[in-house]
């Protein structure tokens, strides 16, 4: 009977040591591969001052000036040499913009920010742009805040939607979309109306 008790005790000690070894090894692997709380962990949204989500509507006009005085958009890549294109839509061209955003269609009306980024003519069969742009606001409670836009802009459609994929400042953790309408367009300039609907916390 004594032998049986000793055998049982030895087995229990073996199990305890086995599990201690497993746990120690797992902990070392966790630290070694960056999965510890030093690298990433769950936190409460309230710890960042995030309260109930808000929905804001912003309305403004973008002015993209390609010719004449005070140019705000320049072509930095000409797609024609590399694509040998026959398309009338300038497929492959890339533009960099620093376009004013105003509260009225008149470019001399109050400026509320800038659209800064790029757009690429990304379709051979229509005037469709890939927009990669930040709206940097300079007015009111949005001063210093930005919204990031990434999506397709089919210029000749009456109304199109472009995703809002993020932001900064007031618009941290932003998500939403911009409803876009062209007011006027020619070779020299475009005036585009934006209605932006965006969820944010601040």
Protein backbone atom coordinates (compact mmCIF):
# COMPACT_ATOMS: atom_id res chain seq x y z
CA UNK A 1 0.00 0.00 0.00
CA UNK A 2 2.88 2.34 0.81
CA UNK A 3 4.30 1.59 -2.63
CA UNK A 4 0.95 2.48 -4.24
CA UNK A 5 0.80 5.83 -2.38
CA UNK A 6 4.36 6.66 -3.38
CA UNK A 7 3.55 5.77 -6.96
CA UNK A 8 0.52 8.07 -6.94
CA UNK A 9 2.50 10.92 -5.37
CA UNK A 10 5.26 10.50 -7.94
CA UNK A 11 2.69 10.64 -10.75
CA UNK A 12 1.13 13.83 -9.33
CA UNK A 13 4.57 15.45 -8.99
CA UNK A 14 5.33 14.44 -12.58
CA UNK A 15 2.09 16.05 -13.82
CA UNK A 16 2.79 19.28 -11.91
CA UNK A 17 6.30 19.52 -13.34
CA UNK A 18 5.00 18.72 -16.83
CA UNK A 19 2.42 21.51 -16.76
CA UNK A 20 4.93 23.98 -15.31
CA UNK A 21 7.29 23.16 -18.20
CA UNK A 22 4.51 23.61 -20.79
CA UNK A 23 3.37 26.95 -19.33
CA UNK A 24 6.95 28.25 -19.08
CA UNK A 25 7.69 27.25 -22.68
CA UNK A 26 4.49 28.88 -23.96
CA UNK A 27 5.29 32.10 -22.10
CA UNK A 28 8.76 32.20 -23.63
CA UNK A 29 7.31 31.64 -27.12
CA UNK A 30 4.72 34.37 -26.56
CA UNK A 31 7.42 36.91 -25.69
CA UNK A 32 9.77 35.70 -28.43
CA UNK A 33 7.16 36.07 -31.18
CA UNK A 34 5.78 39.43 -30.05
CA UNK A 35 2.39 38.31 -28.77
CA UNK A 36 2.86 39.62 -25.25
CA UNK A 37 0.95 42.57 -23.86
CA UNK A 38 4.04 44.69 -24.50
CA UNK A 39 3.23 44.45 -28.22
CA UNK A 40 -0.55 44.43 -28.35
CA UNK A 41 -3.50 44.19 -25.98
CA UNK A 42 -7.19 44.98 -25.73
CA UNK A 43 -8.10 48.31 -24.19
CA UNK A 44 -11.32 50.12 -23.39
CA UNK A 45 -12.41 52.76 -25.94
CA UNK A 46 -13.11 55.10 -23.02
CA UNK A 47 -9.39 55.08 -22.17
CA UNK A 48 -8.85 57.11 -25.39
CA UNK A 49 -11.70 59.45 -24.58
CA UNK A 50 -14.02 57.76 -27.09
CA UNK A 51 -17.68 58.18 -26.24
CA UNK A 52 -20.80 57.62 -28.31
CA UNK A 53 -20.28 57.62 -32.07
CA UNK A 54 -21.45 60.73 -33.93
CA UNK A 55 -22.57 61.21 -37.54
CA UNK A 56 -21.52 64.47 -39.22
CA UNK A 57 -22.46 65.95 -42.59
CA UNK A 58 -19.91 68.21 -44.33
CA UNK A 59 -20.71 70.14 -47.50
CA UNK A 60 -18.11 71.91 -49.66
CA UNK A 61 -16.82 72.42 -53.20
CA UNK A 62 -13.49 71.21 -54.58
CA UNK A 63 -11.69 73.24 -57.27
CA UNK A 64 -9.19 71.38 -59.46
CA UNK A 65 -7.33 73.94 -61.63
CA UNK A 66 -5.15 72.38 -64.37
CA UNK A 67 -4.48 75.37 -66.65
CA UNK A 68 -4.08 79.13 -66.32
CA UNK A 69 -3.21 81.04 -63.16
CA UNK A 70 -3.01 79.47 -59.70
CA UNK A 71 -2.78 75.86 -60.89
CA UNK A 72 -3.71 73.40 -58.14
CA UNK A 73 -3.32 70.09 -59.99
CA UNK A 74 -0.34 68.94 -62.07
CA UNK A 75 0.22 65.84 -64.17
CA UNK A 76 3.28 63.99 -62.89
CA UNK A 77 2.95 60.86 -65.06
CA UNK A 78 1.94 60.76 -68.72
CA UNK A 79 0.50 57.30 -69.38
CA UNK A 80 0.63 57.58 -73.17
CA UNK A 81 4.29 56.61 -73.82
CA UNK A 82 4.06 53.42 -71.76
CA UNK A 83 0.53 52.35 -72.69
CA UNK A 84 0.50 53.36 -76.38
CA UNK A 85 -3.09 54.25 -75.67
CA UNK A 86 -5.72 55.08 -78.20
CA UNK A 87 -8.23 55.91 -75.47
CA UNK A 88 -9.56 59.46 -75.27
CA UNK A 89 -9.67 59.24 -71.49
CA UNK A 90 -5.92 59.68 -70.76
CA UNK A 91 -5.58 56.20 -69.26
CA UNK A 92 -2.49 55.94 -67.04
CA UNK A 93 -2.09 59.65 -66.31
CA UNK A 94 -1.34 60.54 -62.68
CA UNK A 95 -2.02 63.94 -61.11
CA UNK A 96 -0.96 65.48 -57.80
CA UNK A 97 -3.40 67.97 -56.30
CA UNK A 98 -3.52 70.70 -53.68
CA UNK A 99 -7.09 71.80 -54.39
CA UNK A 100 -8.97 74.40 -52.33
CA UNK A 101 -12.24 73.43 -50.65
CA UNK A 102 -14.78 76.25 -50.44
CA UNK A 103 -18.28 76.69 -49.02
CA UNK A 104 -19.69 77.89 -52.36
CA UNK A 105 -19.05 76.98 -56.04
CA UNK A 106 -17.20 80.29 -56.45
CA UNK A 107 -13.47 79.69 -55.92
CA UNK A 108 -13.24 83.08 -54.20
CA UNK A 109 -15.75 82.09 -51.51
CA UNK A 110 -14.60 81.12 -48.01
CA UNK A 111 -11.96 78.38 -47.96
CA UNK A 112 -12.53 75.59 -45.42
CA UNK A 113 -9.59 73.35 -46.32
CA UNK A 114 -7.52 71.63 -49.00
CA UNK A 115 -7.73 68.35 -50.90
CA UNK A 116 -4.17 67.05 -51.02
CA UNK A 117 -3.14 63.80 -52.71
CA UNK A 118 -3.26 62.10 -56.08
CA UNK A 119 -5.67 60.75 -58.63
CA UNK A 120 -4.95 58.33 -61.45
CA UNK A 121 -6.95 57.79 -64.64
CA UNK A 122 -7.60 54.08 -64.07
CA UNK A 123 -10.00 53.12 -66.88
CA UNK A 124 -9.51 52.73 -70.62
CA UNK A 125 -13.21 52.96 -71.47
CA UNK A 126 -14.42 55.89 -69.36
CA UNK A 127 -13.13 58.83 -67.37
CA UNK A 128 -12.78 56.95 -64.08
CA UNK A 129 -10.26 57.98 -61.43
CA UNK A 130 -8.61 56.23 -58.52
CA UNK A 131 -8.69 58.85 -55.75
CA UNK A 132 -6.08 58.75 -52.96
CA UNK A 133 -6.65 62.03 -51.18
CA UNK A 134 -6.71 63.73 -47.77
CA UNK A 135 -9.16 66.50 -46.96
CA UNK A 136 -7.22 68.80 -44.62
CA UNK A 137 -9.66 71.18 -42.90
CA UNK A 138 -8.74 74.66 -41.69
CA UNK A 139 -12.02 76.06 -40.37
CA UNK A 140 -14.00 75.94 -37.13
CA UNK A 141 -14.01 72.85 -34.93
CA UNK A 142 -12.56 70.83 -37.83
CA UNK A 143 -9.42 72.98 -38.05
CA UNK A 144 -6.36 70.69 -38.08
CA UNK A 145 -8.41 67.54 -38.70
CA UNK A 146 -8.29 65.38 -41.81
CA UNK A 147 -10.39 62.82 -43.67
CA UNK A 148 -8.80 60.18 -45.92
CA UNK A 149 -10.52 59.25 -49.19
CA UNK A 150 -9.73 56.12 -51.19
CA UNK A 151 -11.93 54.92 -54.02
CA UNK A 152 -13.31 55.11 -57.55
CA UNK A 153 -14.57 58.38 -59.02
CA UNK A 154 -16.41 57.99 -62.33
CA UNK A 155 -16.22 61.65 -63.31
CA UNK A 156 -18.98 61.78 -65.94
CA UNK A 157 -21.62 60.05 -63.76
CA UNK A 158 -24.20 62.41 -62.30
CA UNK A 159 -23.68 61.18 -58.74
CA UNK A 160 -20.99 58.84 -57.38
CA UNK A 161 -19.85 57.64 -53.97
CA UNK A 162 -16.28 57.50 -52.67
CA UNK A 163 -15.39 55.78 -49.37
CA UNK A 164 -14.02 57.64 -46.37
CA UNK A 165 -11.48 55.22 -44.92
CA UNK A 166 -10.11 57.12 -41.91
CA UNK A 167 -9.12 60.43 -40.44
CA UNK A 168 -7.30 62.34 -37.74
CA UNK A 169 -8.08 64.92 -35.08
CA UNK A 170 -11.85 65.23 -34.69
CA UNK A 171 -12.14 62.41 -37.24
CA UNK A 172 -10.06 59.72 -35.54
CA UNK A 173 -11.55 56.28 -36.32
CA UNK A 174 -13.68 57.90 -39.07
CA UNK A 175 -15.73 55.86 -41.54
CA UNK A 176 -18.29 56.92 -44.12
CA UNK A 177 -18.62 58.09 -47.70
CA UNK A 178 -18.59 61.17 -49.90
CA UNK A 179 -21.43 61.79 -52.33
CA UNK A 180 -19.90 63.61 -55.30
CA UNK A 181 -21.47 65.72 -58.07
CA UNK A 182 -19.60 67.62 -60.80
CA UNK A 183 -20.75 71.24 -61.07
CA UNK A 184 -18.64 72.08 -64.13
CA UNK A 185 -15.69 70.59 -65.97
CA UNK A 186 -13.47 71.46 -68.93
CA UNK A 187 -9.80 71.08 -69.87
CA UNK A 188 -8.77 73.94 -67.59
CA UNK A 189 -10.65 73.23 -64.36
CA UNK A 190 -13.32 71.24 -62.53
CA UNK A 191 -15.67 72.31 -59.76
CA UNK A 192 -16.98 69.36 -57.76
CA UNK A 193 -19.60 69.34 -55.00
CA UNK A 194 -18.98 67.07 -52.00
CA UNK A 195 -21.53 65.93 -49.43
CA UNK A 196 -19.60 63.92 -46.85
CA UNK A 197 -21.32 61.69 -44.31
CA UNK A 198 -18.92 60.41 -41.67
CA UNK A 199 -19.12 58.56 -38.37
CA UNK A 200 -16.60 59.60 -35.72
CA UNK A 201 -16.22 59.76 -31.92
CA UNK A 202 -14.93 63.26 -31.14
